[in-house]
Amino acid sequence: MTETNYSCPLARSRVVDRYFLEHRAKLIDIAAFLDRVDRADPRGESEDFRMTAFREALHILTSSEPARARRVLDLLSDPTTEPIAKAGVKGAAGAHNPKP
């Protein structure tokens, strides 16, 4: 039998004790954001690429697969390697738009 190498020196219960309330608040913020989006008038608009990525990120968060932070970061990051000619007025969008 092999021993698992745990990289966090704290017991899980200590991690939960230390960080639960902070992340509980973040979940409530996310729920409020999603409620606001749901209440907004969608007429004439298609699903925003950022919301598509956001919902995909939520699926990653609820999975039991490891490296969730890396997978969410990869999902939201621009995978292209070629520089663009001009960034535009808005700048960063927070998620990669597959159809600019």
PDB file of N, CA and C in Angstrom:
ATOM      1  N   MET A   1       0.846  -1.174   0.000  1.00  0.00           N
ATOM      2  CA  MET A   1       0.000   0.000   0.000  1.00  0.00           C
ATOM      3  C   MET A   1       0.896   1.243   0.000  1.00  0.00           C
ATOM      4  N   THR A   2       0.564   2.225  -0.832  1.00  0.00           N
ATOM      5  CA  THR A   2       1.371   3.439  -0.869  1.00  0.00           C
ATOM      6  C   THR A   2       0.736   4.521  -0.007  1.00  0.00           C
ATOM      7  N   GLU A   3       1.590   5.362   0.545  1.00  0.00           N
ATOM      8  CA  GLU A   3       1.119   6.455   1.379  1.00  0.00           C
ATOM      9  C   GLU A   3       0.874   7.681   0.506  1.00  0.00           C
ATOM     10  N   THR A   4      -0.258   8.357   0.712  1.00  0.00           N
ATOM     11  CA  THR A   4      -0.565   9.559  -0.047  1.00  0.00           C
ATOM     12  C   THR A   4       0.248  10.719   0.501  1.00  0.00           C
ATOM     13  N   ASN A   5       0.772  11.529  -0.404  1.00  0.00           N
ATOM     14  CA  ASN A   5       1.545  12.700  -0.011  1.00  0.00           C
ATOM     15  C   ASN A   5       0.612  13.909   0.052  1.00  0.00           C
ATOM     16  N   TYR A   6       0.297  14.344   1.260  1.00  0.00           N
ATOM     17  CA  TYR A   6      -0.570  15.503   1.446  1.00  0.00           C
ATOM     18  C   TYR A   6       0.287  16.752   1.529  1.00  0.00           C
ATOM     19  N   SER A   7      -0.033  17.772   0.723  1.00  0.00           N
ATOM     20  CA  SER A   7       0.803  18.964   0.670  1.00  0.00           C
ATOM     21  C   SER A   7       0.413  20.025   1.687  1.00  0.00           C
ATOM     22  N   CYS A   8      -0.729  19.895   2.329  1.00  0.00           N
ATOM     23  CA  CYS A   8      -1.153  20.854   3.345  1.00  0.00           C
ATOM     24  C   CYS A   8      -0.881  20.261   4.723  1.00  0.00           C
ATOM     25  N   PRO A   9      -0.146  20.960   5.566  1.00  0.00           N
ATOM     26  CA  PRO A   9       0.202  20.407   6.875  1.00  0.00           C
ATOM     27  C   PRO A   9      -0.964  20.360   7.857  1.00  0.00           C
ATOM     28  N   LEU A  10      -2.061  21.054   7.566  1.00  0.00           N
ATOM     29  CA  LEU A  10      -3.202  21.083   8.477  1.00  0.00           C
ATOM     30  C   LEU A  10      -4.140  19.905   8.241  1.00  0.00           C
ATOM     31  N   ALA A  11      -4.820  19.503   9.279  1.00  0.00           N
ATOM     32  CA  ALA A  11      -5.881  18.504   9.145  1.00  0.00           C
ATOM     33  C   ALA A  11      -7.050  19.154   8.414  1.00  0.00           C
ATOM     34  N   ARG A  12      -7.839  18.348   7.736  1.00  0.00           N
ATOM     35  CA  ARG A  12      -8.973  18.898   6.985  1.00  0.00           C
ATOM     36  C   ARG A  12      -9.904  19.706   7.875  1.00  0.00           C
ATOM     37  N   SER A  13     -10.161  19.214   9.073  1.00  0.00           N
ATOM     38  CA  SER A  13     -11.063  19.948   9.973  1.00  0.00           C
ATOM     39  C   SER A  13     -10.500  21.324  10.314  1.00  0.00           C
ATOM     40  N   ARG A  14      -9.185  21.446  10.425  1.00  0.00           N
ATOM     41  CA  ARG A  14      -8.562  22.750  10.695  1.00  0.00           C
ATOM     42  C   ARG A  14      -8.685  23.675   9.483  1.00  0.00           C
ATOM     43  N   VAL A  15      -8.531  23.123   8.289  1.00  0.00           N
ATOM     44  CA  VAL A  15      -8.699  23.930   7.071  1.00  0.00           C
ATOM     45  C   VAL A  15     -10.129  24.455   7.005  1.00  0.00           C
ATOM     46  N   VAL A  16     -11.104  23.588   7.263  1.00  0.00           N
ATOM     47  CA  VAL A  16     -12.505  23.998   7.245  1.00  0.00           C
ATOM     48  C   VAL A  16     -12.750  25.050   8.329  1.00  0.00           C
ATOM     49  N   ASP A  17     -12.246  24.821   9.527  1.00  0.00           N
ATOM     50  CA  ASP A  17     -12.409  25.794  10.618  1.00  0.00           C
ATOM     51  C   ASP A  17     -11.855  27.160  10.230  1.00  0.00           C
ATOM     52  N   ARG A  18     -10.734  27.175   9.572  1.00  0.00           N
ATOM     53  CA  ARG A  18     -10.041  28.423   9.246  1.00  0.00           C
ATOM     54  C   ARG A  18     -10.664  29.168   8.064  1.00  0.00           C
ATOM     55  N   TYR A  19     -11.139  28.453   7.055  1.00  0.00           N
ATOM     56  CA  TYR A  19     -11.527  29.101   5.800  1.00  0.00           C
ATOM     57  C   TYR A  19     -13.004  29.020   5.427  1.00  0.00           C
ATOM     58  N   PHE A  20     -13.794  28.258   6.165  1.00  0.00           N
ATOM     59  CA  PHE A  20     -15.181  28.034   5.761  1.00  0.00           C
ATOM     60  C   PHE A  20     -15.997  29.314   5.658  1.00  0.00           C
ATOM     61  N   LEU A  21     -15.981  30.166   6.677  1.00  0.00           N
ATOM     62  CA  LEU A  21     -16.822  31.362   6.665  1.00  0.00           C
ATOM     63  C   LEU A  21     -16.475  32.304   5.517  1.00  0.00           C
ATOM     64  N   GLU A  22     -15.188  32.447   5.238  1.00  0.00           N
ATOM     65  CA  GLU A  22     -14.753  33.290   4.115  1.00  0.00           C
ATOM     66  C   GLU A  22     -15.334  32.779   2.791  1.00  0.00           C
ATOM     67  N   HIS A  23     -15.271  31.487   2.591  1.00  0.00           N
ATOM     68  CA  HIS A  23     -15.730  30.913   1.328  1.00  0.00           C
ATOM     69  C   HIS A  23     -17.247  30.762   1.287  1.00  0.00           C
ATOM     70  N   ARG A  24     -17.865  30.654   2.422  1.00  0.00           N
ATOM     71  CA  ARG A  24     -19.327  30.693   2.498  1.00  0.00           C
ATOM     72  C   ARG A  24     -19.819  32.032   1.964  1.00  0.00           C
ATOM     73  N   ALA A  25     -19.176  33.121   2.364  1.00  0.00           N
ATOM     74  CA  ALA A  25     -19.551  34.455   1.895  1.00  0.00           C
ATOM     75  C   ALA A  25     -19.359  34.571   0.382  1.00  0.00           C
ATOM     76  N   LYS A  26     -18.289  33.986  -0.130  1.00  0.00           N
ATOM     77  CA  LYS A  26     -18.047  34.034  -1.578  1.00  0.00           C
ATOM     78  C   LYS A  26     -19.134  33.272  -2.336  1.00  0.00           C
ATOM     79  N   LEU A  27     -19.575  32.146  -1.795  1.00  0.00           N
ATOM     80  CA  LEU A  27     -20.655  31.389  -2.441  1.00  0.00           C
ATOM     81  C   LEU A  27     -21.949  32.194  -2.466  1.00  0.00           C
ATOM     82  N   ILE A  28     -22.233  32.897  -1.379  1.00  0.00           N
ATOM     83  CA  ILE A  28     -23.432  33.727  -1.339  1.00  0.00           C
ATOM     84  C   ILE A  28     -23.322  34.856  -2.359  1.00  0.00           C
ATOM     85  N   ASP A  29     -22.131  35.436  -2.508  1.00  0.00           N
ATOM     86  CA  ASP A  29     -21.913  36.466  -3.533  1.00  0.00           C
ATOM     87  C   ASP A  29     -22.164  35.910  -4.933  1.00  0.00           C
ATOM     88  N   ILE A  30     -21.681  34.712  -5.183  1.00  0.00           N
ATOM     89  CA  ILE A  30     -21.893  34.085  -6.496  1.00  0.00           C
ATOM     90  C   ILE A  30     -23.376  33.826  -6.722  1.00  0.00           C
ATOM     91  N   ALA A  31     -24.064  33.333  -5.698  1.00  0.00           N
ATOM     92  CA  ALA A  31     -25.505  33.089  -5.830  1.00  0.00           C
ATOM     93  C   ALA A  31     -26.250  34.389  -6.119  1.00  0.00           C
ATOM     94  N   ALA A  32     -25.876  35.484  -5.447  1.00  0.00           N
ATOM     95  CA  ALA A  32     -26.521  36.778  -5.683  1.00  0.00           C
ATOM     96  C   ALA A  32     -26.248  37.269  -7.104  1.00  0.00           C
ATOM     97  N   PHE A  33     -25.020  37.081  -7.588  1.00  0.00           N
ATOM     98  CA  PHE A  33     -24.681  37.461  -8.962  1.00  0.00           C
ATOM     99  C   PHE A  33     -25.538  36.695  -9.959  1.00  0.00           C
ATOM    100  N   LEU A  34     -25.653  35.376  -9.780  1.00  0.00           N
ATOM    101  CA  LEU A  34     -26.457  34.566 -10.690  1.00  0.00           C
ATOM    102  C   LEU A  34     -27.932  34.971 -10.636  1.00  0.00           C
ATOM    103  N   ASP A  35     -28.426  35.298  -9.445  1.00  0.00           N
ATOM    104  CA  ASP A  35     -29.807  35.780  -9.323  1.00  0.00           C
ATOM    105  C   ASP A  35     -29.997  37.080 -10.096  1.00  0.00           C
ATOM    106  N   ARG A  36     -29.007  38.008 -10.010  1.00  0.00           N
ATOM    107  CA  ARG A  36     -29.097  39.262 -10.750  1.00  0.00           C
ATOM    108  C   ARG A  36     -29.127  39.024 -12.250  1.00  0.00           C
ATOM    109  N   VAL A  37     -28.265  38.129 -12.709  1.00  0.00           N
ATOM    110  CA  VAL A  37     -28.237  37.803 -14.139  1.00  0.00           C
ATOM    111  C   VAL A  37     -29.586  37.218 -14.565  1.00  0.00           C
ATOM    112  N   ASP A  38     -30.147  36.334 -13.752  1.00  0.00           N
ATOM    113  CA  ASP A  38     -31.436  35.721 -14.082  1.00  0.00           C
ATOM    114  C   ASP A  38     -32.565  36.750 -14.130  1.00  0.00           C
ATOM    115  N   ARG A  39     -32.485  37.776 -13.295  1.00  0.00           N
ATOM    116  CA  ARG A  39     -33.540  38.800 -13.264  1.00  0.00           C
ATOM    117  C   ARG A  39     -33.388  39.849 -14.361  1.00  0.00           C
ATOM    118  N   ALA A  40     -32.231  39.904 -15.002  1.00  0.00           N
ATOM    119  CA  ALA A  40     -31.980  40.902 -16.050  1.00  0.00           C
ATOM    120  C   ALA A  40     -32.754  40.542 -17.314  1.00  0.00           C
ATOM    121  N   ASP A  41     -33.130  41.562 -18.055  1.00  0.00           N
ATOM    122  CA  ASP A  41     -33.905  41.383 -19.279  1.00  0.00           C
ATOM    123  C   ASP A  41     -33.027  40.765 -20.370  1.00  0.00           C
ATOM    124  N   PRO A  42     -33.337  39.549 -20.828  1.00  0.00           N
ATOM    125  CA  PRO A  42     -32.496  38.878 -21.824  1.00  0.00           C
ATOM    126  C   PRO A  42     -32.932  39.125 -23.268  1.00  0.00           C
ATOM    127  N   ARG A  43     -33.988  39.903 -23.483  1.00  0.00           N
ATOM    128  CA  ARG A  43     -34.528  40.063 -24.843  1.00  0.00           C
ATOM    129  C   ARG A  43     -33.460  40.582 -25.793  1.00  0.00           C
ATOM    130  N   GLY A  44     -33.341  39.892 -26.923  1.00  0.00           N
ATOM    131  CA  GLY A  44     -32.417  40.296 -27.964  1.00  0.00           C
ATOM    132  C   GLY A  44     -30.965  39.936 -27.704  1.00  0.00           C
ATOM    133  N   GLU A  45     -30.693  39.229 -26.648  1.00  0.00           N
ATOM    134  CA  GLU A  45     -29.314  38.860 -26.331  1.00  0.00           C
ATOM    135  C   GLU A  45     -29.159  37.344 -26.337  1.00  0.00           C
ATOM    136  N   SER A  46     -28.002  36.900 -26.810  1.00  0.00           N
ATOM    137  CA  SER A  46     -27.678  35.478 -26.704  1.00  0.00           C
ATOM    138  C   SER A  46     -26.846  35.291 -25.438  1.00  0.00           C
ATOM    139  N   GLU A  47     -26.608  34.053 -25.071  1.00  0.00           N
ATOM    140  CA  GLU A  47     -25.813  33.765 -23.877  1.00  0.00           C
ATOM    141  C   GLU A  47     -24.434  34.389 -24.030  1.00  0.00           C
ATOM    142  N   ASP A  48     -24.019  35.156 -23.058  1.00  0.00           N
ATOM    143  CA  ASP A  48     -22.711  35.809 -23.047  1.00  0.00           C
ATOM    144  C   ASP A  48     -21.623  34.746 -22.847  1.00  0.00           C
ATOM    145  N   PHE A  49     -20.536  34.864 -23.606  1.00  0.00           N
ATOM    146  CA  PHE A  49     -19.453  33.872 -23.510  1.00  0.00           C
ATOM    147  C   PHE A  49     -18.891  33.797 -22.095  1.00  0.00           C
ATOM    148  N   ARG A  50     -18.923  34.915 -21.367  1.00  0.00           N
ATOM    149  CA  ARG A  50     -18.414  34.905 -19.992  1.00  0.00           C
ATOM    150  C   ARG A  50     -19.307  34.076 -19.084  1.00  0.00           C
ATOM    151  N   MET A  51     -20.623  34.167 -19.300  1.00  0.00           N
ATOM    152  CA  MET A  51     -21.536  33.375 -18.477  1.00  0.00           C
ATOM    153  C   MET A  51     -21.446  31.901 -18.833  1.00  0.00           C
ATOM    154  N   THR A  52     -21.222  31.599 -20.098  1.00  0.00           N
ATOM    155  CA  THR A  52     -21.014  30.200 -20.489  1.00  0.00           C
ATOM    156  C   THR A  52     -19.800  29.642 -19.760  1.00  0.00           C
ATOM    157  N   ALA A  53     -18.706  30.396 -19.750  1.00  0.00           N
ATOM    158  CA  ALA A  53     -17.493  29.964 -19.057  1.00  0.00           C
ATOM    159  C   ALA A  53     -17.730  29.876 -17.553  1.00  0.00           C
ATOM    160  N   PHE A  54     -18.464  30.827 -17.007  1.00  0.00           N
ATOM    161  CA  PHE A  54     -18.758  30.839 -15.567  1.00  0.00           C
ATOM    162  C   PHE A  54     -19.511  29.573 -15.165  1.00  0.00           C
ATOM    163  N   ARG A  55     -20.530  29.227 -15.955  1.00  0.00           N
ATOM    164  CA  ARG A  55     -21.313  28.025 -15.649  1.00  0.00           C
ATOM    165  C   ARG A  55     -20.466  26.755 -15.796  1.00  0.00           C
ATOM    166  N   GLU A  56     -19.579  26.732 -16.778  1.00  0.00           N
ATOM    167  CA  GLU A  56     -18.665  25.596 -16.919  1.00  0.00           C
ATOM    168  C   GLU A  56     -17.732  25.516 -15.713  1.00  0.00           C
ATOM    169  N   ALA A  57     -17.287  26.665 -15.226  1.00  0.00           N
ATOM    170  CA  ALA A  57     -16.418  26.695 -14.044  1.00  0.00           C
ATOM    171  C   ALA A  57     -17.144  26.141 -12.821  1.00  0.00           C
ATOM    172  N   LEU A  58     -18.428  26.440 -12.696  1.00  0.00           N
ATOM    173  CA  LEU A  58     -19.202  25.905 -11.573  1.00  0.00           C
ATOM    174  C   LEU A  58     -19.251  24.387 -11.622  1.00  0.00           C
ATOM    175  N   HIS A  59     -19.348  23.825 -12.826  1.00  0.00           N
ATOM    176  CA  HIS A  59     -19.328  22.357 -12.956  1.00  0.00           C
ATOM    177  C   HIS A  59     -17.979  21.803 -12.509  1.00  0.00           C
ATOM    178  N   ILE A  60     -16.913  22.483 -12.857  1.00  0.00           N
ATOM    179  CA  ILE A  60     -15.584  22.044 -12.423  1.00  0.00           C
ATOM    180  C   ILE A  60     -15.499  22.076 -10.902  1.00  0.00           C
ATOM    181  N   LEU A  61     -16.016  23.137 -10.300  1.00  0.00           N
ATOM    182  CA  LEU A  61     -15.950  23.274  -8.843  1.00  0.00           C
ATOM    183  C   LEU A  61     -16.686  22.157  -8.116  1.00  0.00           C
ATOM    184  N   THR A  62     -17.760  21.667  -8.709  1.00  0.00           N
ATOM    185  CA  THR A  62     -18.544  20.623  -8.042  1.00  0.00           C
ATOM    186  C   THR A  62     -18.060  19.211  -8.367  1.00  0.00           C
ATOM    187  N   SER A  63     -17.045  19.113  -9.204  1.00  0.00           N
ATOM    188  CA  SER A  63     -16.513  17.782  -9.522  1.00  0.00           C
ATOM    189  C   SER A  63     -15.587  17.313  -8.403  1.00  0.00           C
ATOM    190  N   SER A  64     -15.308  16.040  -8.400  1.00  0.00           N
ATOM    191  CA  SER A  64     -14.374  15.502  -7.400  1.00  0.00           C
ATOM    192  C   SER A  64     -12.985  15.300  -7.998  1.00  0.00           C
ATOM    193  N   GLU A  65     -12.815  15.740  -9.246  1.00  0.00           N
ATOM    194  CA  GLU A  65     -11.509  15.626  -9.889  1.00  0.00           C
ATOM    195  C   GLU A  65     -10.526  16.597  -9.237  1.00  0.00           C
ATOM    196  N   PRO A  66      -9.249  16.233  -9.166  1.00  0.00           N
ATOM    197  CA  PRO A  66      -8.257  17.117  -8.552  1.00  0.00           C
ATOM    198  C   PRO A  66      -7.921  18.322  -9.429  1.00  0.00           C
ATOM    199  N   ALA A  67      -7.203  19.254  -8.858  1.00  0.00           N
ATOM    200  CA  ALA A  67      -6.682  20.439  -9.550  1.00  0.00           C
ATOM    201  C   ALA A  67      -7.793  21.329 -10.090  1.00  0.00           C
ATOM    202  N   ARG A  68      -8.827  21.539  -9.287  1.00  0.00           N
ATOM    203  CA  ARG A  68      -9.939  22.382  -9.728  1.00  0.00           C
ATOM    204  C   ARG A  68      -9.490  23.807 -10.028  1.00  0.00           C
ATOM    205  N   ALA A  69      -8.625  24.372  -9.195  1.00  0.00           N
ATOM    206  CA  ALA A  69      -8.178  25.754  -9.425  1.00  0.00           C
ATOM    207  C   ALA A  69      -7.463  25.884 -10.766  1.00  0.00           C
ATOM    208  N   ARG A  70      -6.594  24.944 -11.079  1.00  0.00           N
ATOM    209  CA  ARG A  70      -5.888  24.978 -12.358  1.00  0.00           C
ATOM    210  C   ARG A  70      -6.852  24.824 -13.518  1.00  0.00           C
ATOM    211  N   ARG A  71      -7.812  23.927 -13.390  1.00  0.00           N
ATOM    212  CA  ARG A  71      -8.760  23.691 -14.481  1.00  0.00           C
ATOM    213  C   ARG A  71      -9.662  24.904 -14.711  1.00  0.00           C
ATOM    214  N   VAL A  72     -10.081  25.576 -13.636  1.00  0.00           N
ATOM    215  CA  VAL A  72     -10.883  26.791 -13.799  1.00  0.00           C
ATOM    216  C   VAL A  72     -10.036  27.884 -14.443  1.00  0.00           C
ATOM    217  N   LEU A  73      -8.804  28.039 -13.995  1.00  0.00           N
ATOM    218  CA  LEU A  73      -7.922  29.042 -14.581  1.00  0.00           C
ATOM    219  C   LEU A  73      -7.698  28.769 -16.064  1.00  0.00           C
ATOM    220  N   ASP A  74      -7.461  27.518 -16.412  1.00  0.00           N
ATOM    221  CA  ASP A  74      -7.296  27.159 -17.827  1.00  0.00           C
ATOM    222  C   ASP A  74      -8.556  27.477 -18.629  1.00  0.00           C
ATOM    223  N   LEU A  75      -9.707  27.195 -18.062  1.00  0.00           N
ATOM    224  CA  LEU A  75     -10.973  27.455 -18.734  1.00  0.00           C
ATOM    225  C   LEU A  75     -11.153  28.948 -19.023  1.00  0.00           C
ATOM    226  N   LEU A  76     -10.791  29.788 -18.066  1.00  0.00           N
ATOM    227  CA  LEU A  76     -11.018  31.220 -18.199  1.00  0.00           C
ATOM    228  C   LEU A  76      -9.891  31.947 -18.923  1.00  0.00           C
ATOM    229  N   SER A  77      -8.788  31.271 -19.174  1.00  0.00           N
ATOM    230  CA  SER A  77      -7.627  31.903 -19.801  1.00  0.00           C
ATOM    231  C   SER A  77      -7.660  31.787 -21.321  1.00  0.00           C
ATOM    232  N   ASP A  78      -7.052  32.749 -21.970  1.00  0.00           N
ATOM    233  CA  ASP A  78      -6.941  32.754 -23.431  1.00  0.00           C
ATOM    234  C   ASP A  78      -5.874  31.737 -23.838  1.00  0.00           C
ATOM    235  N   PRO A  79      -6.236  30.713 -24.604  1.00  0.00           N
ATOM    236  CA  PRO A  79      -5.276  29.680 -24.969  1.00  0.00           C
ATOM    237  C   PRO A  79      -4.381  30.046 -26.156  1.00  0.00           C
ATOM    238  N   THR A  80      -4.654  31.181 -26.794  1.00  0.00           N
ATOM    239  CA  THR A  80      -3.874  31.544 -27.969  1.00  0.00           C
ATOM    240  C   THR A  80      -2.462  31.963 -27.573  1.00  0.00           C
ATOM    241  N   THR A  81      -1.538  31.773 -28.482  1.00  0.00           N
ATOM    242  CA  THR A  81      -0.139  32.125 -28.215  1.00  0.00           C
ATOM    243  C   THR A  81       0.342  33.285 -29.068  1.00  0.00           C
ATOM    244  N   GLU A  82      -0.399  33.597 -30.130  1.00  0.00           N
ATOM    245  CA  GLU A  82      -0.016  34.706 -30.999  1.00  0.00           C
ATOM    246  C   GLU A  82      -0.508  36.027 -30.419  1.00  0.00           C
ATOM    247  N   PRO A  83       0.337  37.062 -30.416  1.00  0.00           N
ATOM    248  CA  PRO A  83      -0.123  38.368 -29.911  1.00  0.00           C
ATOM    249  C   PRO A  83      -1.181  38.967 -30.831  1.00  0.00           C
ATOM    250  N   ILE A  84      -2.090  39.725 -30.236  1.00  0.00           N
ATOM    251  CA  ILE A  84      -3.111  40.388 -31.034  1.00  0.00           C
ATOM    252  C   ILE A  84      -2.610  41.764 -31.448  1.00  0.00           C
ATOM    253  N   ALA A  85      -3.153  42.279 -32.544  1.00  0.00           N
ATOM    254  CA  ALA A  85      -2.704  43.576 -33.056  1.00  0.00           C
ATOM    255  C   ALA A  85      -3.114  44.713 -32.137  1.00  0.00           C
ATOM    256  N   LYS A  86      -4.314  44.635 -31.588  1.00  0.00           N
ATOM    257  CA  LYS A  86      -4.816  45.715 -30.748  1.00  0.00           C
ATOM    258  C   LYS A  86      -5.766  45.129 -29.712  1.00  0.00           C
ATOM    259  N   ALA A  87      -5.607  45.534 -28.456  1.00  0.00           N
ATOM    260  CA  ALA A  87      -6.425  44.985 -27.381  1.00  0.00           C
ATOM    261  C   ALA A  87      -7.835  45.554 -27.373  1.00  0.00           C
ATOM    262  N   GLY A  88      -8.028  46.720 -27.902  1.00  0.00           N
ATOM    263  CA  GLY A  88      -9.360  47.312 -27.909  1.00  0.00           C
ATOM    264  C   GLY A  88      -9.568  48.204 -26.701  1.00  0.00           C
ATOM    265  N   VAL A  89     -10.733  48.809 -26.643  1.00  0.00           N
ATOM    266  CA  VAL A  89     -11.037  49.777 -25.593  1.00  0.00           C
ATOM    267  C   VAL A  89     -11.326  49.111 -24.269  1.00  0.00           C
ATOM    268  N   LYS A  90     -12.045  48.008 -24.294  1.00  0.00           N
ATOM    269  CA  LYS A  90     -12.488  47.374 -23.053  1.00  0.00           C
ATOM    270  C   LYS A  90     -11.383  46.665 -22.289  1.00  0.00           C
ATOM    271  N   GLY A  91     -10.390  46.150 -22.963  1.00  0.00           N
ATOM    272  CA  GLY A  91      -9.348  45.399 -22.272  1.00  0.00           C
ATOM    273  C   GLY A  91      -9.799  43.987 -21.957  1.00  0.00           C
ATOM    274  N   ALA A  92      -9.377  43.485 -20.813  1.00  0.00           N
ATOM    275  CA  ALA A  92      -9.644  42.099 -20.437  1.00  0.00           C
ATOM    276  C   ALA A  92     -11.126  41.867 -20.157  1.00  0.00           C
ATOM    277  N   ALA A  93     -11.612  40.704 -20.569  1.00  0.00           N
ATOM    278  CA  ALA A  93     -13.023  40.349 -20.346  1.00  0.00           C
ATOM    279  C   ALA A  93     -13.185  39.365 -19.196  1.00  0.00           C
ATOM    280  N   GLY A  94     -12.102  38.744 -18.748  1.00  0.00           N
ATOM    281  CA  GLY A  94     -12.192  37.800 -17.648  1.00  0.00           C
ATOM    282  C   GLY A  94     -12.407  36.359 -18.065  1.00  0.00           C
ATOM    283  N   ALA A  95     -12.694  36.157 -19.334  1.00  0.00           N
ATOM    284  CA  ALA A  95     -12.865  34.808 -19.878  1.00  0.00           C
ATOM    285  C   ALA A  95     -12.508  34.886 -21.365  1.00  0.00           C
ATOM    286  N   HIS A  96     -12.097  33.770 -21.894  1.00  0.00           N
ATOM    287  CA  HIS A  96     -11.730  33.729 -23.303  1.00  0.00           C
ATOM    288  C   HIS A  96     -12.979  33.658 -24.161  1.00  0.00           C
ATOM    289  N   ASN A  97     -13.047  34.550 -25.161  1.00  0.00           N
ATOM    290  CA  ASN A  97     -14.148  34.539 -26.109  1.00  0.00           C
ATOM    291  C   ASN A  97     -13.713  33.736 -27.330  1.00  0.00           C
ATOM    292  N   PRO A  98     -14.289  32.560 -27.534  1.00  0.00           N
ATOM    293  CA  PRO A  98     -13.878  31.741 -28.679  1.00  0.00           C
ATOM    294  C   PRO A  98     -14.268  32.349 -30.016  1.00  0.00           C
ATOM    295  N   LYS A  99     -15.246  33.298 -30.010  1.00  0.00           N
ATOM    296  CA  LYS A  99     -15.685  33.959 -31.249  1.00  0.00           C
ATOM    297  C   LYS A  99     -15.617  35.469 -31.057  1.00  0.00           C
ATOM    298  N   PRO A 100     -14.425  36.078 -31.158  1.00  0.00           N
ATOM    299  CA  PRO A 100     -14.325  37.529 -30.925  1.00  0.00           C
ATOM    300  C   PRO A 100     -15.039  38.372 -31.968  1.00  0.00           C
TER     301      PRO A 100
END
